């Protein structure tokens, strides 16, 4: 396609230098463009090896049909609710085995993840804050592997898998101003799975921003998640990562 849409929506709570009122909710919303690559292994047919997927962040312009992320952060006093929605649709054409086998692969991977967590502020000063959070993350993976005509067991096969599960998740996030300037650093790390749904996953984001006004800022950073899931022969062991550019609204 000539045009690809990569949209990540990420929100972190806007903290002022004064204490937050206990009876007032505060929010922020940040749309991000996310240039995300995808690398890992996905199940094929039973008894056959997993199929490799390798889409670099540079190739994301051509191979990512859609990338949407929305993180909503709301707080009342030191308590709050944290949500994180991820949807990506990544396609890739690759040659698995050259001549004389001539086996090609077209892969389509759709990943949906939604996190809902309770958060609590554990540190705060005039220029920084740190929150801890705990909750659950819902995953849904739709993968389709279409093998071209060639030689071997997989030639001409089309394999579709649809898996969903829920993982526990814990994490930490925060933000700090850079000295007395309008620049700031923000980010977070989450861990989950613990063999409840997936074997494990981790997810991190880091960004540097500039606060143009009290309620508007821009940021550039990087995000990655690593997921390892296997159940009844279905394998999804991937990393998804790439640069983000965003604009933040606090309200």
C-alpha atoms as a PDB file:
ATOM      1  CA  UNK A   1       0.000   0.000   0.000  1.00  0.00           C
ATOM      2  CA  UNK A   2       1.099   3.585  -0.657  1.00  0.00           C
ATOM      3  CA  UNK A   3      -0.093   4.775   2.719  1.00  0.00           C
ATOM      4  CA  UNK A   4       0.125   3.110   6.100  1.00  0.00           C
ATOM      5  CA  UNK A   5      -1.445   4.274   9.336  1.00  0.00           C
ATOM      6  CA  UNK A   6       0.544   3.893  12.538  1.00  0.00           C
ATOM      7  CA  UNK A   7      -1.263   5.391  15.474  1.00  0.00           C
ATOM      8  CA  UNK A   8      -0.490   4.894  19.081  1.00  0.00           C
ATOM      9  CA  UNK A   9      -2.553   6.580  21.732  1.00  0.00           C
ATOM     10  CA  UNK A  10      -0.773   6.785  25.094  1.00  0.00           C
ATOM     11  CA  UNK A  11      -1.955   8.721  28.168  1.00  0.00           C
ATOM     12  CA  UNK A  12      -0.155   9.596  31.423  1.00  0.00           C
ATOM     13  CA  UNK A  13      -1.583  11.643  34.283  1.00  0.00           C
ATOM     14  CA  UNK A  14      -0.646  15.350  34.286  1.00  0.00           C
ATOM     15  CA  UNK A  15       0.999  16.331  37.541  1.00  0.00           C
ATOM     16  CA  UNK A  16       1.252  19.991  38.608  1.00  0.00           C
ATOM     17  CA  UNK A  17       3.736  21.314  41.163  1.00  0.00           C
ATOM     18  CA  UNK A  18       0.960  21.660  43.725  1.00  0.00           C
ATOM     19  CA  UNK A  19      -0.798  18.777  45.521  1.00  0.00           C
ATOM     20  CA  UNK A  20      -3.724  17.179  43.732  1.00  0.00           C
ATOM     21  CA  UNK A  21      -7.144  17.703  45.247  1.00  0.00           C
ATOM     22  CA  UNK A  22      -8.645  14.491  46.592  1.00  0.00           C
ATOM     23  CA  UNK A  23     -12.031  15.178  44.997  1.00  0.00           C
ATOM     24  CA  UNK A  24     -10.825  15.941  41.468  1.00  0.00           C
ATOM     25  CA  UNK A  25      -9.988  13.444  38.729  1.00  0.00           C
ATOM     26  CA  UNK A  26      -7.221  14.380  36.312  1.00  0.00           C
ATOM     27  CA  UNK A  27      -6.358  12.790  32.970  1.00  0.00           C
ATOM     28  CA  UNK A  28      -4.116  13.160  29.930  1.00  0.00           C
ATOM     29  CA  UNK A  29      -4.245  11.815  26.377  1.00  0.00           C
ATOM     30  CA  UNK A  30      -1.372  11.366  23.937  1.00  0.00           C
ATOM     31  CA  UNK A  31      -1.703  10.192  20.324  1.00  0.00           C
ATOM     32  CA  UNK A  32       1.517   8.561  19.080  1.00  0.00           C
ATOM     33  CA  UNK A  33       2.734   7.488  15.689  1.00  0.00           C
ATOM     34  CA  UNK A  34       4.400   4.098  16.303  1.00  0.00           C
ATOM     35  CA  UNK A  35       6.873   2.614  13.836  1.00  0.00           C
ATOM     36  CA  UNK A  36       6.731  -0.937  15.195  1.00  0.00           C
ATOM     37  CA  UNK A  37       8.555  -4.005  13.899  1.00  0.00           C
ATOM     38  CA  UNK A  38       7.752  -7.610  14.772  1.00  0.00           C
ATOM     39  CA  UNK A  39      10.165 -10.519  15.211  1.00  0.00           C
ATOM     40  CA  UNK A  40       9.627 -14.054  16.503  1.00  0.00           C
ATOM     41  CA  UNK A  41       8.094 -17.475  15.886  1.00  0.00           C
ATOM     42  CA  UNK A  42       4.474 -18.464  15.259  1.00  0.00           C
ATOM     43  CA  UNK A  43       2.870 -21.937  15.012  1.00  0.00           C
ATOM     44  CA  UNK A  44       2.298 -23.604  11.667  1.00  0.00           C
ATOM     45  CA  UNK A  45       0.602 -27.009  11.366  1.00  0.00           C
ATOM     46  CA  UNK A  46       0.943 -29.722  14.051  1.00  0.00           C
ATOM     47  CA  UNK A  47       4.205 -31.601  13.723  1.00  0.00           C
ATOM     48  CA  UNK A  48       5.854 -28.938  11.570  1.00  0.00           C
ATOM     49  CA  UNK A  49       8.364 -26.282  12.722  1.00  0.00           C
ATOM     50  CA  UNK A  50       7.218 -22.826  13.748  1.00  0.00           C
ATOM     51  CA  UNK A  51       7.403 -20.117  11.106  1.00  0.00           C
ATOM     52  CA  UNK A  52       9.731 -17.137  11.637  1.00  0.00           C
ATOM     53  CA  UNK A  53       8.426 -13.573  11.344  1.00  0.00           C
ATOM     54  CA  UNK A  54      10.886 -10.689  11.010  1.00  0.00           C
ATOM     55  CA  UNK A  55       9.617  -7.188  10.215  1.00  0.00           C
ATOM     56  CA  UNK A  56      12.084  -4.447  11.144  1.00  0.00           C
ATOM     57  CA  UNK A  57      10.940  -1.010  12.372  1.00  0.00           C
ATOM     58  CA  UNK A  58      12.205   0.408   9.037  1.00  0.00           C
ATOM     59  CA  UNK A  59       9.939  -1.984   7.173  1.00  0.00           C
ATOM     60  CA  UNK A  60       6.973  -1.032   9.346  1.00  0.00           C
ATOM     61  CA  UNK A  61       5.938   1.645   6.827  1.00  0.00           C
ATOM     62  CA  UNK A  62       5.258  -1.094   4.273  1.00  0.00           C
ATOM     63  CA  UNK A  63       4.382  -4.088   6.463  1.00  0.00           C
ATOM     64  CA  UNK A  64       2.229  -2.631   9.240  1.00  0.00           C
ATOM     65  CA  UNK A  65      -1.348  -2.146   8.125  1.00  0.00           C
ATOM     66  CA  UNK A  66      -2.462  -0.564  11.403  1.00  0.00           C
ATOM     67  CA  UNK A  67      -0.829   0.214  14.757  1.00  0.00           C
ATOM     68  CA  UNK A  68      -3.053   1.772  17.440  1.00  0.00           C
ATOM     69  CA  UNK A  69      -2.224   2.206  21.100  1.00  0.00           C
ATOM     70  CA  UNK A  70      -4.283   3.972  23.768  1.00  0.00           C
ATOM     71  CA  UNK A  71      -3.143   4.343  27.353  1.00  0.00           C
ATOM     72  CA  UNK A  72      -5.535   6.139  29.686  1.00  0.00           C
ATOM     73  CA  UNK A  73      -4.282   7.236  33.085  1.00  0.00           C
ATOM     74  CA  UNK A  74      -6.712   8.717  35.620  1.00  0.00           C
ATOM     75  CA  UNK A  75      -6.017   9.629  39.220  1.00  0.00           C
ATOM     76  CA  UNK A  76      -7.936  10.987  42.183  1.00  0.00           C
ATOM     77  CA  UNK A  77      -5.550  11.874  44.967  1.00  0.00           C
ATOM     78  CA  UNK A  78      -2.896   9.157  45.159  1.00  0.00           C
ATOM     79  CA  UNK A  79      -5.202   6.422  43.810  1.00  0.00           C
ATOM     80  CA  UNK A  80      -6.266   5.820  40.262  1.00  0.00           C
ATOM     81  CA  UNK A  81      -7.047   3.596  37.315  1.00  0.00           C
ATOM     82  CA  UNK A  82      -4.648   2.721  34.523  1.00  0.00           C
ATOM     83  CA  UNK A  83      -5.683   1.291  31.139  1.00  0.00           C
ATOM     84  CA  UNK A  84      -3.615   0.371  28.106  1.00  0.00           C
ATOM     85  CA  UNK A  85      -5.001  -0.744  24.719  1.00  0.00           C
ATOM     86  CA  UNK A  86      -2.810  -2.098  21.905  1.00  0.00           C
ATOM     87  CA  UNK A  87      -3.857  -3.203  18.416  1.00  0.00           C
ATOM     88  CA  UNK A  88      -1.427  -4.010  15.600  1.00  0.00           C
ATOM     89  CA  UNK A  89      -1.886  -5.602  12.187  1.00  0.00           C
ATOM     90  CA  UNK A  90       1.418  -6.637  10.603  1.00  0.00           C
ATOM     91  CA  UNK A  91       1.974  -8.373   7.242  1.00  0.00           C
ATOM     92  CA  UNK A  92       5.123  -9.849   5.749  1.00  0.00           C
ATOM     93  CA  UNK A  93       6.162 -11.646   2.561  1.00  0.00           C
ATOM     94  CA  UNK A  94       9.275 -13.796   2.886  1.00  0.00           C
ATOM     95  CA  UNK A  95      11.171 -16.654   1.262  1.00  0.00           C
ATOM     96  CA  UNK A  96      11.607 -19.490   3.753  1.00  0.00           C
ATOM     97  CA  UNK A  97      13.542 -21.883   1.516  1.00  0.00           C
ATOM     98  CA  UNK A  98      15.234 -20.925  -1.789  1.00  0.00           C
ATOM     99  CA  UNK A  99      15.426 -23.027  -4.964  1.00  0.00           C
ATOM    100  CA  UNK A 100      14.954 -25.879  -5.571  1.00  0.00           C
ATOM    101  CA  UNK A 101      12.364 -25.946  -2.738  1.00  0.00           C
ATOM    102  CA  UNK A 102      11.025 -22.437  -3.465  1.00  0.00           C
ATOM    103  CA  UNK A 103       8.879 -22.157  -0.331  1.00  0.00           C
ATOM    104  CA  UNK A 104       7.485 -18.670   0.330  1.00  0.00           C
ATOM    105  CA  UNK A 105       5.408 -17.323   3.188  1.00  0.00           C
ATOM    106  CA  UNK A 106       2.885 -14.516   3.566  1.00  0.00           C
ATOM    107  CA  UNK A 107       2.129 -13.894   7.232  1.00  0.00           C
ATOM    108  CA  UNK A 108      -0.549 -11.717   8.815  1.00  0.00           C
ATOM    109  CA  UNK A 109      -0.438 -11.165  12.568  1.00  0.00           C
ATOM    110  CA  UNK A 110      -3.100  -9.200  14.456  1.00  0.00           C
ATOM    111  CA  UNK A 111      -2.357  -8.523  18.105  1.00  0.00           C
ATOM    112  CA  UNK A 112      -4.833  -7.047  20.589  1.00  0.00           C
ATOM    113  CA  UNK A 113      -3.956  -6.373  24.222  1.00  0.00           C
ATOM    114  CA  UNK A 114      -5.958  -4.535  26.869  1.00  0.00           C
ATOM    115  CA  UNK A 115      -4.691  -3.791  30.381  1.00  0.00           C
ATOM    116  CA  UNK A 116      -6.841  -2.664  33.300  1.00  0.00           C
ATOM    117  CA  UNK A 117      -5.049  -1.943  36.568  1.00  0.00           C
ATOM    118  CA  UNK A 118      -5.279  -0.170  39.897  1.00  0.00           C
ATOM    119  CA  UNK A 119      -2.481   2.328  40.462  1.00  0.00           C
ATOM    120  CA  UNK A 120      -1.103   4.088  43.517  1.00  0.00           C
ATOM    121  CA  UNK A 121       1.323   6.966  43.779  1.00  0.00           C
ATOM    122  CA  UNK A 122       4.343   6.016  45.897  1.00  0.00           C
ATOM    123  CA  UNK A 123       6.596   9.041  45.357  1.00  0.00           C
ATOM    124  CA  UNK A 124       6.074  12.676  44.487  1.00  0.00           C
ATOM    125  CA  UNK A 125       7.907  15.982  44.578  1.00  0.00           C
ATOM    126  CA  UNK A 126       7.640  19.291  42.720  1.00  0.00           C
ATOM    127  CA  UNK A 127       9.032  17.847  39.467  1.00  0.00           C
ATOM    128  CA  UNK A 128       8.556  14.060  39.537  1.00  0.00           C
ATOM    129  CA  UNK A 129       6.215  11.209  40.443  1.00  0.00           C
ATOM    130  CA  UNK A 130       6.329   7.405  40.561  1.00  0.00           C
ATOM    131  CA  UNK A 131       3.299   5.078  40.422  1.00  0.00           C
ATOM    132  CA  UNK A 132       2.971   1.346  41.029  1.00  0.00           C
ATOM    133  CA  UNK A 133       0.145  -0.593  39.385  1.00  0.00           C
ATOM    134  CA  UNK A 134      -1.321  -4.107  39.395  1.00  0.00           C
ATOM    135  CA  UNK A 135      -4.109  -5.658  37.349  1.00  0.00           C
ATOM    136  CA  UNK A 136      -4.799  -7.906  34.373  1.00  0.00           C
ATOM    137  CA  UNK A 137      -3.986  -7.901  30.662  1.00  0.00           C
ATOM    138  CA  UNK A 138      -6.224  -9.534  28.043  1.00  0.00           C
ATOM    139  CA  UNK A 139      -4.488 -10.824  24.895  1.00  0.00           C
ATOM    140  CA  UNK A 140      -5.989 -11.865  21.560  1.00  0.00           C
ATOM    141  CA  UNK A 141      -3.747 -13.112  18.752  1.00  0.00           C
ATOM    142  CA  UNK A 142      -4.997 -13.747  15.209  1.00  0.00           C
ATOM    143  CA  UNK A 143      -2.325 -15.179  12.939  1.00  0.00           C
ATOM    144  CA  UNK A 144      -2.531 -16.453   9.375  1.00  0.00           C
ATOM    145  CA  UNK A 145       0.329 -18.114   7.509  1.00  0.00           C
ATOM    146  CA  UNK A 146      -0.083 -18.676   3.760  1.00  0.00           C
ATOM    147  CA  UNK A 147       2.664 -20.812   2.186  1.00  0.00           C
ATOM    148  CA  UNK A 148       3.344 -20.553  -1.526  1.00  0.00           C
ATOM    149  CA  UNK A 149       3.532 -23.394  -4.012  1.00  0.00           C
ATOM    150  CA  UNK A 150       6.779 -25.294  -3.700  1.00  0.00           C
ATOM    151  CA  UNK A 151       8.096 -28.516  -2.252  1.00  0.00           C
ATOM    152  CA  UNK A 152       7.588 -30.020   1.188  1.00  0.00           C
ATOM    153  CA  UNK A 153       4.924 -30.488   3.822  1.00  0.00           C
ATOM    154  CA  UNK A 154       3.923 -26.805   4.062  1.00  0.00           C
ATOM    155  CA  UNK A 155       3.686 -26.017   0.334  1.00  0.00           C
ATOM    156  CA  UNK A 156       0.281 -24.592  -0.554  1.00  0.00           C
ATOM    157  CA  UNK A 157      -0.949 -24.686   3.046  1.00  0.00           C
ATOM    158  CA  UNK A 158      -2.827 -21.898   4.822  1.00  0.00           C
ATOM    159  CA  UNK A 159      -2.783 -21.959   8.619  1.00  0.00           C
ATOM    160  CA  UNK A 160      -4.974 -19.749  10.836  1.00  0.00           C
ATOM    161  CA  UNK A 161      -4.829 -19.512  14.620  1.00  0.00           C
ATOM    162  CA  UNK A 162      -7.024 -17.490  16.982  1.00  0.00           C
ATOM    163  CA  UNK A 163      -6.005 -17.480  20.648  1.00  0.00           C
ATOM    164  CA  UNK A 164      -7.051 -15.335  23.623  1.00  0.00           C
ATOM    165  CA  UNK A 165      -6.164 -15.384  27.316  1.00  0.00           C
ATOM    166  CA  UNK A 166      -5.763 -13.195  30.419  1.00  0.00           C
ATOM    167  CA  UNK A 167      -2.510 -12.549  32.293  1.00  0.00           C
ATOM    168  CA  UNK A 168      -1.806 -10.881  35.624  1.00  0.00           C
ATOM    169  CA  UNK A 169       0.366  -7.777  35.279  1.00  0.00           C
ATOM    170  CA  UNK A 170       2.377  -5.564  37.634  1.00  0.00           C
ATOM    171  CA  UNK A 171       4.420  -2.487  36.827  1.00  0.00           C
ATOM    172  CA  UNK A 172       5.901   0.894  37.591  1.00  0.00           C
ATOM    173  CA  UNK A 173       5.729   4.165  35.682  1.00  0.00           C
ATOM    174  CA  UNK A 174       6.670   7.770  36.214  1.00  0.00           C
ATOM    175  CA  UNK A 175       7.726  11.129  34.916  1.00  0.00           C
ATOM    176  CA  UNK A 176      10.327  13.727  35.862  1.00  0.00           C
ATOM    177  CA  UNK A 177      11.266  17.185  34.645  1.00  0.00           C
ATOM    178  CA  UNK A 178      14.790  17.815  33.378  1.00  0.00           C
ATOM    179  CA  UNK A 179      16.277  20.352  35.792  1.00  0.00           C
ATOM    180  CA  UNK A 180      14.280  23.605  35.564  1.00  0.00           C
ATOM    181  CA  UNK A 181      13.526  23.306  31.846  1.00  0.00           C
ATOM    182  CA  UNK A 182      10.340  22.404  29.991  1.00  0.00           C
ATOM    183  CA  UNK A 183      11.868  19.080  28.956  1.00  0.00           C
ATOM    184  CA  UNK A 184      10.768  15.910  30.740  1.00  0.00           C
ATOM    185  CA  UNK A 185      11.416  12.163  30.741  1.00  0.00           C
ATOM    186  CA  UNK A 186       8.564   9.661  31.047  1.00  0.00           C
ATOM    187  CA  UNK A 187       8.149   5.894  30.800  1.00  0.00           C
ATOM    188  CA  UNK A 188       7.297   2.650  32.499  1.00  0.00           C
ATOM    189  CA  UNK A 189       7.900  -1.088  32.763  1.00  0.00           C
ATOM    190  CA  UNK A 190       5.379  -3.924  33.216  1.00  0.00           C
ATOM    191  CA  UNK A 191       5.759  -7.645  33.795  1.00  0.00           C
ATOM    192  CA  UNK A 192       3.172 -10.392  33.567  1.00  0.00           C
ATOM    193  CA  UNK A 193       2.096 -13.849  32.590  1.00  0.00           C
ATOM    194  CA  UNK A 194       3.776 -15.862  35.345  1.00  0.00           C
ATOM    195  CA  UNK A 195       2.503 -19.087  33.687  1.00  0.00           C
ATOM    196  CA  UNK A 196      -1.123 -18.113  34.340  1.00  0.00           C
ATOM    197  CA  UNK A 197      -1.912 -17.430  30.678  1.00  0.00           C
ATOM    198  CA  UNK A 198       1.339 -16.804  28.848  1.00  0.00           C
ATOM    199  CA  UNK A 199       4.663 -18.103  30.123  1.00  0.00           C
ATOM    200  CA  UNK A 200       5.766 -14.516  30.584  1.00  0.00           C
ATOM    201  CA  UNK A 201       5.789 -11.073  29.010  1.00  0.00           C
ATOM    202  CA  UNK A 202       7.489  -7.775  29.654  1.00  0.00           C
ATOM    203  CA  UNK A 203       6.790  -4.354  28.225  1.00  0.00           C
ATOM    204  CA  UNK A 204       8.670  -1.063  28.487  1.00  0.00           C
ATOM    205  CA  UNK A 205       8.388   2.458  27.156  1.00  0.00           C
ATOM    206  CA  UNK A 206      10.723   5.448  27.482  1.00  0.00           C
ATOM    207  CA  UNK A 207      10.311   8.924  25.993  1.00  0.00           C
ATOM    208  CA  UNK A 208      11.724  12.451  26.160  1.00  0.00           C
ATOM    209  CA  UNK A 209       9.232  15.290  25.844  1.00  0.00           C
ATOM    210  CA  UNK A 210       8.840  19.047  25.792  1.00  0.00           C
ATOM    211  CA  UNK A 211       5.975  20.814  27.623  1.00  0.00           C
ATOM    212  CA  UNK A 212       4.852  23.671  25.384  1.00  0.00           C
ATOM    213  CA  UNK A 213       2.002  24.687  27.705  1.00  0.00           C
ATOM    214  CA  UNK A 214       0.566  23.379  30.954  1.00  0.00           C
ATOM    215  CA  UNK A 215      -1.758  21.085  29.019  1.00  0.00           C
ATOM    216  CA  UNK A 216       0.161  20.367  25.787  1.00  0.00           C
ATOM    217  CA  UNK A 217       3.464  18.582  25.228  1.00  0.00           C
ATOM    218  CA  UNK A 218       5.249  16.537  22.565  1.00  0.00           C
ATOM    219  CA  UNK A 219       7.447  13.481  23.018  1.00  0.00           C
ATOM    220  CA  UNK A 220       9.654  11.034  21.143  1.00  0.00           C
ATOM    221  CA  UNK A 221      10.627   7.637  22.488  1.00  0.00           C
ATOM    222  CA  UNK A 222      10.725   3.871  22.078  1.00  0.00           C
ATOM    223  CA  UNK A 223       8.425   1.011  23.086  1.00  0.00           C
ATOM    224  CA  UNK A 224       8.869  -2.757  23.105  1.00  0.00           C
ATOM    225  CA  UNK A 225       6.985  -5.792  24.367  1.00  0.00           C
ATOM    226  CA  UNK A 226       8.220  -9.392  24.460  1.00  0.00           C
ATOM    227  CA  UNK A 227       5.584 -12.140  24.720  1.00  0.00           C
ATOM    228  CA  UNK A 228       6.067 -15.906  25.107  1.00  0.00           C
ATOM    229  CA  UNK A 229       2.869 -17.985  24.898  1.00  0.00           C
ATOM    230  CA  UNK A 230       2.372 -21.689  24.175  1.00  0.00           C
ATOM    231  CA  UNK A 231      -0.759 -23.795  24.606  1.00  0.00           C
ATOM    232  CA  UNK A 232      -1.879 -27.078  22.988  1.00  0.00           C
ATOM    233  CA  UNK A 233       0.599 -26.757  20.136  1.00  0.00           C
ATOM    234  CA  UNK A 234       0.002 -23.048  19.492  1.00  0.00           C
ATOM    235  CA  UNK A 235       3.208 -21.019  19.779  1.00  0.00           C
ATOM    236  CA  UNK A 236       3.493 -17.233  19.808  1.00  0.00           C
ATOM    237  CA  UNK A 237       6.965 -16.103  20.842  1.00  0.00           C
ATOM    238  CA  UNK A 238       7.547 -12.567  19.533  1.00  0.00           C
ATOM    239  CA  UNK A 239       9.009  -9.149  20.198  1.00  0.00           C
ATOM    240  CA  UNK A 240       7.332  -6.000  18.892  1.00  0.00           C
ATOM    241  CA  UNK A 241       9.250  -2.737  19.084  1.00  0.00           C
ATOM    242  CA  UNK A 242       9.769   0.635  17.448  1.00  0.00           C
ATOM    243  CA  UNK A 243      10.020   4.410  17.753  1.00  0.00           C
ATOM    244  CA  UNK A 244       7.104   6.564  18.864  1.00  0.00           C
ATOM    245  CA  UNK A 245       6.317  10.251  18.307  1.00  0.00           C
ATOM    246  CA  UNK A 246       3.419  11.839  20.138  1.00  0.00           C
ATOM    247  CA  UNK A 247       1.479  14.877  21.307  1.00  0.00           C
ATOM    248  CA  UNK A 248       0.098  15.047  24.862  1.00  0.00           C
ATOM    249  CA  UNK A 249      -3.066  16.734  26.106  1.00  0.00           C
ATOM    250  CA  UNK A 250      -3.636  17.046  29.857  1.00  0.00           C
ATOM    251  CA  UNK A 251      -7.112  17.772  31.217  1.00  0.00           C
END
